[in-house]
Amino acid sequence: MPLRIVKASEPMTISNIVLTVYAQPGLGKSTLGFTAEKALLLDFDKGAYRAAKRGDSVPVAAWADVQGMTADDLKDYSTVIVDTAGRALDALAADIIAANSKAGRGDGSLTLQGFGTLKSRFAQWQGFLRSLGKDLVLVCHMDEQKNGDETMERIDAQGASKNEIYKSSDAMCRIRLDGKDGRYLDFNPRAGGFGKNPAQLPAIAFPHPDENPHFLGDVIQRIKDSINKITAQQAQATTQSSEWEDAVKEADSLQAVNVLVGLSKERKLNKAQKTVLADKAKSLGFTFDKATGAYVEAKAA
């Protein structure tokens, strides 16, 4: 089978994403999760009963419950919510150690070999969900650590396993309070805190599920639409740049060069593209006349 190469001129359309949401206890992380489109919550924290407007959930006792899920089990759902990702990785670590004692230490933590296995298996499971076209929401508790006078926000997960959450996330936000008992989603990274905002979303007010039972589903769709728009624009820009370079190469007369001057103004081309045309005009012996805004024969100038 030939290698599938995605050309720079092709948009890289995404159909599903991994979103991480983290916050302090009691700010409605599970409730938020249930407002995703056709959500199924994997309840590692045994706290789904506390969510307002609770939807379908799976009480998870061990990682084997997750590993055994099939495409048929998930056919009625569009979004899988992991609540919480820290406890999910704990369950995966326990499963790894049970299968290979050399992967763990006496205190139940993973060895370097064990972390390698965790990384591989967690990625494989996410790949399984992506292959089914599911969005994945990783819900996380927040751990605050002091660094001098600065408070550092961290995802609550053991050791290096939290890095797998950071790396696998397409977008990441924190639920914050606005000072008036209201909540909002903040995607922007900041000193002492984490965030990923590929869609450049502003702060988004987090309503009660009675006001918008599809709130998180709407946010996820906004992220996907924005990313796809950006990649489409990038692909279009690449195609236009390639077409421009081809047109400049083919220009072999004063008239052809000046036609391209007009196009460059009409299309509002960037400085690099204008430089390509200027270099070609110079190589043909033309010079730019500022008075007319066009190229002329060097002798005429």
C-alpha atoms as a PDB file:
ATOM      1  CA  MET A   1       0.000   0.000   0.000  1.00  0.00           C
ATOM      2  CA  PRO A   2       1.487   3.407  -0.982  1.00  0.00           C
ATOM      3  CA  LEU A   3       2.242   5.910   1.755  1.00  0.00           C
ATOM      4  CA  ARG A   4      -0.647   8.347   2.311  1.00  0.00           C
ATOM      5  CA  ILE A   5       0.897  11.811   2.251  1.00  0.00           C
ATOM      6  CA  VAL A   6      -1.295  14.775   3.157  1.00  0.00           C
ATOM      7  CA  LYS A   7      -0.228  17.646   0.927  1.00  0.00           C
ATOM      8  CA  ALA A   8       0.216  21.109   2.426  1.00  0.00           C
ATOM      9  CA  SER A   9      -2.533  22.256   0.045  1.00  0.00           C
ATOM     10  CA  GLU A  10      -5.036  19.765   1.550  1.00  0.00           C
ATOM     11  CA  PRO A  11      -7.110  20.755   4.607  1.00  0.00           C
ATOM     12  CA  MET A  12      -6.676  18.367   7.562  1.00  0.00           C
ATOM     13  CA  THR A  13     -10.296  18.063   8.641  1.00  0.00           C
ATOM     14  CA  ILE A  14     -10.911  16.696  12.137  1.00  0.00           C
ATOM     15  CA  SER A  15     -14.119  14.951  13.162  1.00  0.00           C
ATOM     16  CA  ASN A  16     -13.386  14.302  16.837  1.00  0.00           C
ATOM     17  CA  ILE A  17     -11.202  15.770  19.574  1.00  0.00           C
ATOM     18  CA  VAL A  18      -9.861  15.129  23.059  1.00  0.00           C
ATOM     19  CA  LEU A  19     -10.923  17.857  25.499  1.00  0.00           C
ATOM     20  CA  THR A  20      -9.590  18.068  29.057  1.00  0.00           C
ATOM     21  CA  VAL A  21     -11.590  19.920  31.717  1.00  0.00           C
ATOM     22  CA  TYR A  22     -10.134  20.450  35.189  1.00  0.00           C
ATOM     23  CA  ALA A  23     -11.318  22.287  38.278  1.00  0.00           C
ATOM     24  CA  GLN A  24     -11.536  22.257  42.042  1.00  0.00           C
ATOM     25  CA  PRO A  25     -14.137  19.970  43.648  1.00  0.00           C
ATOM     26  CA  GLY A  26     -17.745  21.070  43.552  1.00  0.00           C
ATOM     27  CA  LEU A  27     -17.670  23.243  40.426  1.00  0.00           C
ATOM     28  CA  GLY A  28     -19.789  20.924  38.305  1.00  0.00           C
ATOM     29  CA  LYS A  29     -17.273  18.942  36.244  1.00  0.00           C
ATOM     30  CA  SER A  30     -19.496  15.867  35.983  1.00  0.00           C
ATOM     31  CA  THR A  31     -22.577  17.991  35.325  1.00  0.00           C
ATOM     32  CA  LEU A  32     -20.674  19.706  32.514  1.00  0.00           C
ATOM     33  CA  GLY A  33     -19.717  16.342  31.039  1.00  0.00           C
ATOM     34  CA  PHE A  34     -23.335  15.240  30.755  1.00  0.00           C
ATOM     35  CA  THR A  35     -24.094  18.272  28.536  1.00  0.00           C
ATOM     36  CA  ALA A  36     -21.902  16.873  25.749  1.00  0.00           C
ATOM     37  CA  GLU A  37     -23.590  15.386  22.683  1.00  0.00           C
ATOM     38  CA  LYS A  38     -24.960  11.874  23.367  1.00  0.00           C
ATOM     39  CA  ALA A  39     -22.658  11.491  26.357  1.00  0.00           C
ATOM     40  CA  LEU A  40     -21.657   8.285  28.120  1.00  0.00           C
ATOM     41  CA  LEU A  41     -19.782   8.869  31.381  1.00  0.00           C
ATOM     42  CA  LEU A  42     -17.231   6.318  32.605  1.00  0.00           C
ATOM     43  CA  ASP A  43     -17.536   6.756  36.362  1.00  0.00           C
ATOM     44  CA  PHE A  44     -14.129   5.963  37.854  1.00  0.00           C
ATOM     45  CA  ASP A  45     -14.709   8.388  40.744  1.00  0.00           C
ATOM     46  CA  LYS A  46     -18.054   6.876  41.806  1.00  0.00           C
ATOM     47  CA  GLY A  47     -19.573  10.351  41.851  1.00  0.00           C
ATOM     48  CA  ALA A  48     -21.952  10.405  38.877  1.00  0.00           C
ATOM     49  CA  TYR A  49     -24.948  10.420  41.238  1.00  0.00           C
ATOM     50  CA  ARG A  50     -24.018  13.949  42.357  1.00  0.00           C
ATOM     51  CA  ALA A  51     -24.355  15.449  38.878  1.00  0.00           C
ATOM     52  CA  ALA A  52     -27.323  17.619  37.990  1.00  0.00           C
ATOM     53  CA  LYS A  53     -29.306  16.214  35.062  1.00  0.00           C
ATOM     54  CA  ARG A  54     -27.412  12.922  35.214  1.00  0.00           C
ATOM     55  CA  GLY A  55     -27.182  11.007  31.947  1.00  0.00           C
ATOM     56  CA  ASP A  56     -26.024   7.488  31.054  1.00  0.00           C
ATOM     57  CA  SER A  57     -22.973   6.249  32.931  1.00  0.00           C
ATOM     58  CA  VAL A  58     -20.864   3.138  33.523  1.00  0.00           C
ATOM     59  CA  PRO A  59     -19.715   2.366  37.093  1.00  0.00           C
ATOM     60  CA  VAL A  60     -16.083   1.316  36.528  1.00  0.00           C
ATOM     61  CA  ALA A  61     -14.559  -1.067  39.052  1.00  0.00           C
ATOM     62  CA  ALA A  62     -11.394  -1.895  37.098  1.00  0.00           C
ATOM     63  CA  TRP A  63      -9.706  -1.042  33.803  1.00  0.00           C
ATOM     64  CA  ALA A  64     -10.937  -4.353  32.389  1.00  0.00           C
ATOM     65  CA  ASP A  65     -14.445  -2.837  32.341  1.00  0.00           C
ATOM     66  CA  VAL A  66     -13.168  -0.184  29.925  1.00  0.00           C
ATOM     67  CA  GLN A  67     -10.878  -2.445  27.922  1.00  0.00           C
ATOM     68  CA  GLY A  68     -13.789  -4.764  27.221  1.00  0.00           C
ATOM     69  CA  MET A  69     -15.976  -2.094  25.628  1.00  0.00           C
ATOM     70  CA  THR A  70     -16.943  -2.763  22.021  1.00  0.00           C
ATOM     71  CA  ALA A  71     -18.105  -0.632  19.125  1.00  0.00           C
ATOM     72  CA  ASP A  72     -21.588  -2.028  19.657  1.00  0.00           C
ATOM     73  CA  ASP A  73     -21.556  -0.878  23.312  1.00  0.00           C
ATOM     74  CA  LEU A  74     -20.823   2.694  22.161  1.00  0.00           C
ATOM     75  CA  LYS A  75     -22.972   2.874  19.032  1.00  0.00           C
ATOM     76  CA  ASP A  76     -25.619   5.100  20.655  1.00  0.00           C
ATOM     77  CA  TYR A  77     -23.102   7.650  21.988  1.00  0.00           C
ATOM     78  CA  SER A  78     -21.066  10.442  20.401  1.00  0.00           C
ATOM     79  CA  THR A  79     -18.988  11.519  23.405  1.00  0.00           C
ATOM     80  CA  VAL A  80     -17.169   9.469  26.033  1.00  0.00           C
ATOM     81  CA  ILE A  81     -16.553  11.232  29.360  1.00  0.00           C
ATOM     82  CA  VAL A  82     -13.769   9.905  31.619  1.00  0.00           C
ATOM     83  CA  ASP A  83     -14.504  10.997  35.197  1.00  0.00           C
ATOM     84  CA  THR A  84     -11.849  11.373  36.381  1.00  0.00           C
ATOM     85  CA  ALA A  85      -8.831  10.841  34.138  1.00  0.00           C
ATOM     86  CA  GLY A  86      -6.531  10.627  37.174  1.00  0.00           C
ATOM     87  CA  ARG A  87      -8.483   7.708  38.643  1.00  0.00           C
ATOM     88  CA  ALA A  88      -8.707   6.111  35.183  1.00  0.00           C
ATOM     89  CA  LEU A  89      -4.923   6.115  34.887  1.00  0.00           C
ATOM     90  CA  ASP A  90      -4.670   4.691  38.409  1.00  0.00           C
ATOM     91  CA  ALA A  91      -6.930   1.837  37.299  1.00  0.00           C
ATOM     92  CA  LEU A  92      -4.859   1.299  34.170  1.00  0.00           C
ATOM     93  CA  ALA A  93      -1.648   1.290  36.237  1.00  0.00           C
ATOM     94  CA  ALA A  94      -3.116  -1.339  38.589  1.00  0.00           C
ATOM     95  CA  ASP A  95      -4.077  -3.486  35.587  1.00  0.00           C
ATOM     96  CA  ILE A  96      -0.550  -3.215  34.180  1.00  0.00           C
ATOM     97  CA  ILE A  97       1.068  -4.217  37.472  1.00  0.00           C
ATOM     98  CA  ALA A  98      -1.358  -7.137  37.902  1.00  0.00           C
ATOM     99  CA  ALA A  99      -0.258  -8.460  34.513  1.00  0.00           C
ATOM    100  CA  ASN A 100       3.456  -7.836  35.103  1.00  0.00           C
ATOM    101  CA  SER A 101       4.798  -7.354  38.631  1.00  0.00           C
ATOM    102  CA  LYS A 102       8.070  -5.929  37.223  1.00  0.00           C
ATOM    103  CA  ALA A 103       6.109  -2.955  35.927  1.00  0.00           C
ATOM    104  CA  GLY A 104       5.380  -1.736  39.460  1.00  0.00           C
ATOM    105  CA  ARG A 105       7.098  -0.888  42.712  1.00  0.00           C
ATOM    106  CA  GLY A 106       6.235  -1.979  46.214  1.00  0.00           C
ATOM    107  CA  ASP A 107       4.170   1.175  46.857  1.00  0.00           C
ATOM    108  CA  GLY A 108       1.984   0.494  43.808  1.00  0.00           C
ATOM    109  CA  SER A 109       3.604   3.111  41.578  1.00  0.00           C
ATOM    110  CA  LEU A 110       4.859   2.281  38.105  1.00  0.00           C
ATOM    111  CA  THR A 111       8.449   1.699  37.089  1.00  0.00           C
ATOM    112  CA  LEU A 112       9.882   3.314  33.967  1.00  0.00           C
ATOM    113  CA  GLN A 113       8.894   0.193  32.046  1.00  0.00           C
ATOM    114  CA  GLY A 114       5.414   0.398  33.531  1.00  0.00           C
ATOM    115  CA  PHE A 115       4.979   4.015  32.456  1.00  0.00           C
ATOM    116  CA  GLY A 116       5.971   3.064  28.922  1.00  0.00           C
ATOM    117  CA  THR A 117       3.229   0.439  28.909  1.00  0.00           C
ATOM    118  CA  LEU A 118       0.713   2.899  30.359  1.00  0.00           C
ATOM    119  CA  LYS A 119       1.523   5.451  27.674  1.00  0.00           C
ATOM    120  CA  SER A 120       1.130   2.869  24.921  1.00  0.00           C
ATOM    121  CA  ARG A 121      -2.133   1.378  26.211  1.00  0.00           C
ATOM    122  CA  PHE A 122      -3.748   4.742  26.964  1.00  0.00           C
ATOM    123  CA  ALA A 123      -2.889   5.934  23.452  1.00  0.00           C
ATOM    124  CA  GLN A 124      -4.265   2.713  21.946  1.00  0.00           C
ATOM    125  CA  TRP A 125      -7.540   3.121  23.813  1.00  0.00           C
ATOM    126  CA  GLN A 126      -7.885   6.714  22.647  1.00  0.00           C
ATOM    127  CA  GLY A 127      -7.121   5.543  19.124  1.00  0.00           C
ATOM    128  CA  PHE A 128      -9.951   3.007  19.424  1.00  0.00           C
ATOM    129  CA  LEU A 129     -12.396   5.785  20.340  1.00  0.00           C
ATOM    130  CA  ARG A 130     -11.141   7.997  17.504  1.00  0.00           C
ATOM    131  CA  SER A 131     -11.615   5.139  15.040  1.00  0.00           C
ATOM    132  CA  LEU A 132     -15.271   5.047  16.107  1.00  0.00           C
ATOM    133  CA  GLY A 133     -15.622   8.803  15.606  1.00  0.00           C
ATOM    134  CA  LYS A 134     -16.129   9.577  19.305  1.00  0.00           C
ATOM    135  CA  ASP A 135     -15.179  12.778  21.081  1.00  0.00           C
ATOM    136  CA  LEU A 136     -13.349  12.186  24.362  1.00  0.00           C
ATOM    137  CA  VAL A 137     -13.644  14.437  27.421  1.00  0.00           C
ATOM    138  CA  LEU A 138     -11.112  13.909  30.208  1.00  0.00           C
ATOM    139  CA  VAL A 139     -12.461  15.309  33.476  1.00  0.00           C
ATOM    140  CA  CYS A 140      -9.768  16.015  36.076  1.00  0.00           C
ATOM    141  CA  HIS A 141      -9.528  17.221  39.653  1.00  0.00           C
ATOM    142  CA  MET A 142      -7.207  20.162  40.216  1.00  0.00           C
ATOM    143  CA  ASP A 143      -4.277  20.043  42.612  1.00  0.00           C
ATOM    144  CA  GLU A 144      -2.836  23.336  43.892  1.00  0.00           C
ATOM    145  CA  GLN A 145       0.862  23.495  44.763  1.00  0.00           C
ATOM    146  CA  LYS A 146       2.793  26.402  46.241  1.00  0.00           C
ATOM    147  CA  ASN A 147       5.948  27.699  44.569  1.00  0.00           C
ATOM    148  CA  GLY A 148       7.006  30.552  46.838  1.00  0.00           C
ATOM    149  CA  ASP A 149       4.186  33.088  46.738  1.00  0.00           C
ATOM    150  CA  GLU A 150       2.806  31.669  43.505  1.00  0.00           C
ATOM    151  CA  THR A 151       0.069  29.042  43.404  1.00  0.00           C
ATOM    152  CA  MET A 152       0.591  26.434  40.699  1.00  0.00           C
ATOM    153  CA  GLU A 153      -2.423  24.646  39.223  1.00  0.00           C
ATOM    154  CA  ARG A 154      -1.842  21.013  38.349  1.00  0.00           C
ATOM    155  CA  ILE A 155      -3.974  18.110  37.181  1.00  0.00           C
ATOM    156  CA  ASP A 156      -4.436  15.581  39.967  1.00  0.00           C
ATOM    157  CA  ALA A 157      -2.835  12.414  38.596  1.00  0.00           C
ATOM    158  CA  GLN A 158       0.039  10.282  39.792  1.00  0.00           C
ATOM    159  CA  GLY A 159       3.590  10.983  38.644  1.00  0.00           C
ATOM    160  CA  ALA A 160       4.364  11.174  34.958  1.00  0.00           C
ATOM    161  CA  SER A 161       0.930   9.836  33.994  1.00  0.00           C
ATOM    162  CA  LYS A 162      -0.434  13.405  34.068  1.00  0.00           C
ATOM    163  CA  ASN A 163       1.838  14.157  31.109  1.00  0.00           C
ATOM    164  CA  GLU A 164      -0.201  11.733  29.006  1.00  0.00           C
ATOM    165  CA  ILE A 165      -3.281  13.827  29.728  1.00  0.00           C
ATOM    166  CA  TYR A 166      -1.529  17.037  28.687  1.00  0.00           C
ATOM    167  CA  LYS A 167      -0.061  15.551  25.512  1.00  0.00           C
ATOM    168  CA  SER A 168      -3.212  13.810  24.305  1.00  0.00           C
ATOM    169  CA  SER A 169      -5.460  16.869  24.703  1.00  0.00           C
ATOM    170  CA  ASP A 170      -6.450  18.874  21.637  1.00  0.00           C
ATOM    171  CA  ALA A 171      -8.020  21.515  23.893  1.00  0.00           C
ATOM    172  CA  MET A 172      -7.869  22.099  27.639  1.00  0.00           C
ATOM    173  CA  CYS A 173      -9.830  24.384  29.937  1.00  0.00           C
ATOM    174  CA  ARG A 174     -10.400  25.124  33.583  1.00  0.00           C
ATOM    175  CA  ILE A 175     -13.741  25.894  35.213  1.00  0.00           C
ATOM    176  CA  ARG A 176     -13.330  29.211  37.023  1.00  0.00           C
ATOM    177  CA  LEU A 177     -15.543  31.347  39.250  1.00  0.00           C
ATOM    178  CA  ASP A 178     -16.340  34.879  38.119  1.00  0.00           C
ATOM    179  CA  GLY A 179     -16.738  36.308  41.624  1.00  0.00           C
ATOM    180  CA  LYS A 180     -20.542  36.472  41.386  1.00  0.00           C
ATOM    181  CA  ASP A 181     -21.278  32.777  41.989  1.00  0.00           C
ATOM    182  CA  GLY A 182     -21.118  32.276  38.233  1.00  0.00           C
ATOM    183  CA  ARG A 183     -18.801  29.854  36.417  1.00  0.00           C
ATOM    184  CA  TYR A 184     -17.021  30.031  33.107  1.00  0.00           C
ATOM    185  CA  LEU A 185     -14.660  27.956  30.968  1.00  0.00           C
ATOM    186  CA  ASP A 186     -11.174  29.395  30.515  1.00  0.00           C
ATOM    187  CA  PHE A 187      -9.108  27.846  27.713  1.00  0.00           C
ATOM    188  CA  ASN A 188      -6.160  30.233  27.865  1.00  0.00           C
ATOM    189  CA  PRO A 189      -2.869  29.111  29.428  1.00  0.00           C
ATOM    190  CA  ARG A 190      -1.516  31.413  32.108  1.00  0.00           C
ATOM    191  CA  ALA A 191       1.315  31.654  34.621  1.00  0.00           C
ATOM    192  CA  GLY A 192       0.829  28.815  37.077  1.00  0.00           C
ATOM    193  CA  GLY A 193      -2.002  27.229  35.106  1.00  0.00           C
ATOM    194  CA  PHE A 194      -2.597  25.137  32.014  1.00  0.00           C
ATOM    195  CA  GLY A 195      -4.748  25.626  28.955  1.00  0.00           C
ATOM    196  CA  LYS A 196      -4.936  24.838  25.249  1.00  0.00           C
ATOM    197  CA  ASN A 197      -6.980  27.135  23.073  1.00  0.00           C
ATOM    198  CA  PRO A 198      -6.543  26.176  19.384  1.00  0.00           C
ATOM    199  CA  ALA A 199      -9.891  27.798  18.538  1.00  0.00           C
ATOM    200  CA  GLN A 200      -8.974  31.057  20.334  1.00  0.00           C
ATOM    201  CA  LEU A 201     -12.203  30.916  22.326  1.00  0.00           C
ATOM    202  CA  PRO A 202     -13.000  33.679  24.813  1.00  0.00           C
ATOM    203  CA  ALA A 203     -14.149  32.934  28.353  1.00  0.00           C
ATOM    204  CA  ILE A 204     -17.481  31.103  28.052  1.00  0.00           C
ATOM    205  CA  ALA A 205     -20.155  31.349  30.759  1.00  0.00           C
ATOM    206  CA  PHE A 206     -21.135  27.901  32.085  1.00  0.00           C
ATOM    207  CA  PRO A 207     -24.935  27.871  32.456  1.00  0.00           C
ATOM    208  CA  HIS A 208     -27.098  25.538  34.499  1.00  0.00           C
ATOM    209  CA  PRO A 209     -28.001  22.445  32.427  1.00  0.00           C
ATOM    210  CA  ASP A 210     -31.675  23.495  32.533  1.00  0.00           C
ATOM    211  CA  GLU A 211     -30.715  26.576  30.510  1.00  0.00           C
ATOM    212  CA  ASN A 212     -28.660  24.678  27.937  1.00  0.00           C
ATOM    213  CA  PRO A 213     -28.577  20.870  28.257  1.00  0.00           C
ATOM    214  CA  HIS A 214     -26.260  20.708  25.206  1.00  0.00           C
ATOM    215  CA  PHE A 215     -23.733  23.282  26.416  1.00  0.00           C
ATOM    216  CA  LEU A 216     -20.527  21.213  26.214  1.00  0.00           C
ATOM    217  CA  GLY A 217     -21.625  19.679  22.930  1.00  0.00           C
ATOM    218  CA  ASP A 218     -21.947  23.200  21.514  1.00  0.00           C
ATOM    219  CA  VAL A 219     -18.489  24.161  22.826  1.00  0.00           C
ATOM    220  CA  ILE A 220     -16.861  21.055  21.331  1.00  0.00           C
ATOM    221  CA  GLN A 221     -18.510  21.778  17.973  1.00  0.00           C
ATOM    222  CA  ARG A 222     -17.203  25.361  18.083  1.00  0.00           C
ATOM    223  CA  ILE A 223     -13.683  24.036  18.661  1.00  0.00           C
ATOM    224  CA  LYS A 224     -13.904  21.583  15.769  1.00  0.00           C
ATOM    225  CA  ASP A 225     -15.442  24.154  13.407  1.00  0.00           C
ATOM    226  CA  SER A 226     -12.732  26.678  14.250  1.00  0.00           C
ATOM    227  CA  ILE A 227      -9.861  24.209  13.804  1.00  0.00           C
ATOM    228  CA  ASN A 228     -11.279  22.988  10.496  1.00  0.00           C
ATOM    229  CA  LYS A 229     -11.719  26.573   9.281  1.00  0.00           C
ATOM    230  CA  ILE A 230      -8.100  27.349  10.155  1.00  0.00           C
ATOM    231  CA  THR A 231      -6.754  24.267   8.347  1.00  0.00           C
ATOM    232  CA  ALA A 232      -8.928  25.027   5.316  1.00  0.00           C
ATOM    233  CA  GLN A 233      -7.600  28.594   5.231  1.00  0.00           C
ATOM    234  CA  GLN A 234      -4.030  27.330   5.564  1.00  0.00           C
ATOM    235  CA  ALA A 235      -4.569  24.877   2.719  1.00  0.00           C
ATOM    236  CA  GLN A 236      -6.109  27.606   0.554  1.00  0.00           C
ATOM    237  CA  ALA A 237      -3.204  29.941   1.300  1.00  0.00           C
ATOM    238  CA  THR A 238      -0.706  27.212   0.363  1.00  0.00           C
ATOM    239  CA  THR A 239      -2.530  26.519  -2.897  1.00  0.00           C
ATOM    240  CA  GLN A 240      -2.679  30.225  -3.767  1.00  0.00           C
ATOM    241  CA  SER A 241       1.021  30.629  -2.974  1.00  0.00           C
ATOM    242  CA  SER A 242       1.913  27.686  -5.214  1.00  0.00           C
ATOM    243  CA  GLU A 243      -0.280  28.984  -8.045  1.00  0.00           C
ATOM    244  CA  TRP A 244       1.279  32.448  -7.703  1.00  0.00           C
ATOM    245  CA  GLU A 245       4.810  31.069  -7.929  1.00  0.00           C
ATOM    246  CA  ASP A 246       3.852  29.106 -11.045  1.00  0.00           C
ATOM    247  CA  ALA A 247       2.320  32.217 -12.636  1.00  0.00           C
ATOM    248  CA  VAL A 248       5.451  34.274 -11.892  1.00  0.00           C
ATOM    249  CA  LYS A 249       7.684  31.597 -13.413  1.00  0.00           C
ATOM    250  CA  GLU A 250       5.649  31.644 -16.623  1.00  0.00           C
ATOM    251  CA  ALA A 251       5.697  35.462 -16.947  1.00  0.00           C
ATOM    252  CA  ASP A 252       8.104  36.269 -19.787  1.00  0.00           C
ATOM    253  CA  SER A 253       7.074  39.759 -20.923  1.00  0.00           C
ATOM    254  CA  LEU A 254       6.524  43.238 -19.540  1.00  0.00           C
ATOM    255  CA  GLN A 255       2.787  42.913 -20.105  1.00  0.00           C
ATOM    256  CA  ALA A 256       2.615  39.595 -18.220  1.00  0.00           C
ATOM    257  CA  VAL A 257       4.581  41.032 -15.281  1.00  0.00           C
ATOM    258  CA  ASN A 258       2.287  44.061 -15.022  1.00  0.00           C
ATOM    259  CA  VAL A 259      -0.798  41.845 -15.130  1.00  0.00           C
ATOM    260  CA  LEU A 260       0.614  40.088 -12.069  1.00  0.00           C
ATOM    261  CA  VAL A 261       1.234  43.469 -10.406  1.00  0.00           C
ATOM    262  CA  GLY A 262      -2.483  44.164 -10.737  1.00  0.00           C
ATOM    263  CA  LEU A 263      -3.346  40.729  -9.343  1.00  0.00           C
ATOM    264  CA  SER A 264      -1.013  41.234  -6.397  1.00  0.00           C
ATOM    265  CA  LYS A 265      -2.923  44.384  -5.433  1.00  0.00           C
ATOM    266  CA  GLU A 266      -6.305  42.780  -6.030  1.00  0.00           C
ATOM    267  CA  ARG A 267      -5.487  39.694  -3.933  1.00  0.00           C
ATOM    268  CA  LYS A 268      -3.576  41.662  -1.288  1.00  0.00           C
ATOM    269  CA  LEU A 269      -0.605  39.325  -1.487  1.00  0.00           C
ATOM    270  CA  ASN A 270       1.962  39.244   1.287  1.00  0.00           C
ATOM    271  CA  LYS A 271       5.462  40.724   1.138  1.00  0.00           C
ATOM    272  CA  ALA A 272       7.154  37.386   0.335  1.00  0.00           C
ATOM    273  CA  GLN A 273       4.904  36.799  -2.672  1.00  0.00           C
ATOM    274  CA  LYS A 274       5.499  40.345  -3.942  1.00  0.00           C
ATOM    275  CA  THR A 275       9.241  39.765  -3.575  1.00  0.00           C
ATOM    276  CA  VAL A 276       9.001  36.708  -5.840  1.00  0.00           C
ATOM    277  CA  LEU A 277       7.477  38.926  -8.538  1.00  0.00           C
ATOM    278  CA  ALA A 278      10.041  41.702  -8.005  1.00  0.00           C
ATOM    279  CA  ASP A 279      12.915  39.232  -8.393  1.00  0.00           C
ATOM    280  CA  LYS A 280      11.424  37.874 -11.618  1.00  0.00           C
ATOM    281  CA  ALA A 281      10.911  41.376 -13.038  1.00  0.00           C
ATOM    282  CA  LYS A 282      14.493  42.274 -12.223  1.00  0.00           C
ATOM    283  CA  SER A 283      15.772  39.128 -13.936  1.00  0.00           C
ATOM    284  CA  LEU A 284      13.880  40.169 -17.090  1.00  0.00           C
ATOM    285  CA  GLY A 285      15.477  43.623 -17.051  1.00  0.00           C
ATOM    286  CA  PHE A 286      12.434  45.556 -15.808  1.00  0.00           C
ATOM    287  CA  THR A 287      12.349  48.199 -13.111  1.00  0.00           C
ATOM    288  CA  PHE A 288       9.451  49.505 -11.048  1.00  0.00           C
ATOM    289  CA  ASP A 289       8.115  52.991 -11.802  1.00  0.00           C
ATOM    290  CA  LYS A 290       6.531  54.419  -8.650  1.00  0.00           C
ATOM    291  CA  ALA A 291       4.778  57.155 -10.600  1.00  0.00           C
ATOM    292  CA  THR A 292       2.740  54.686 -12.668  1.00  0.00           C
ATOM    293  CA  GLY A 293       2.741  51.814 -10.175  1.00  0.00           C
ATOM    294  CA  ALA A 294       3.957  49.419 -12.878  1.00  0.00           C
ATOM    295  CA  TYR A 295       7.131  47.940 -14.284  1.00  0.00           C
ATOM    296  CA  VAL A 296       8.872  49.494 -17.295  1.00  0.00           C
ATOM    297  CA  GLU A 297      11.846  48.658 -19.454  1.00  0.00           C
ATOM    298  CA  ALA A 298      15.054  49.588 -17.616  1.00  0.00           C
ATOM    299  CA  LYS A 299      16.150  51.879 -20.484  1.00  0.00           C
ATOM    300  CA  ALA A 300      12.829  53.701 -20.422  1.00  0.00           C
ATOM    301  CA  ALA A 301      13.225  54.299 -16.701  1.00  0.00           C
END
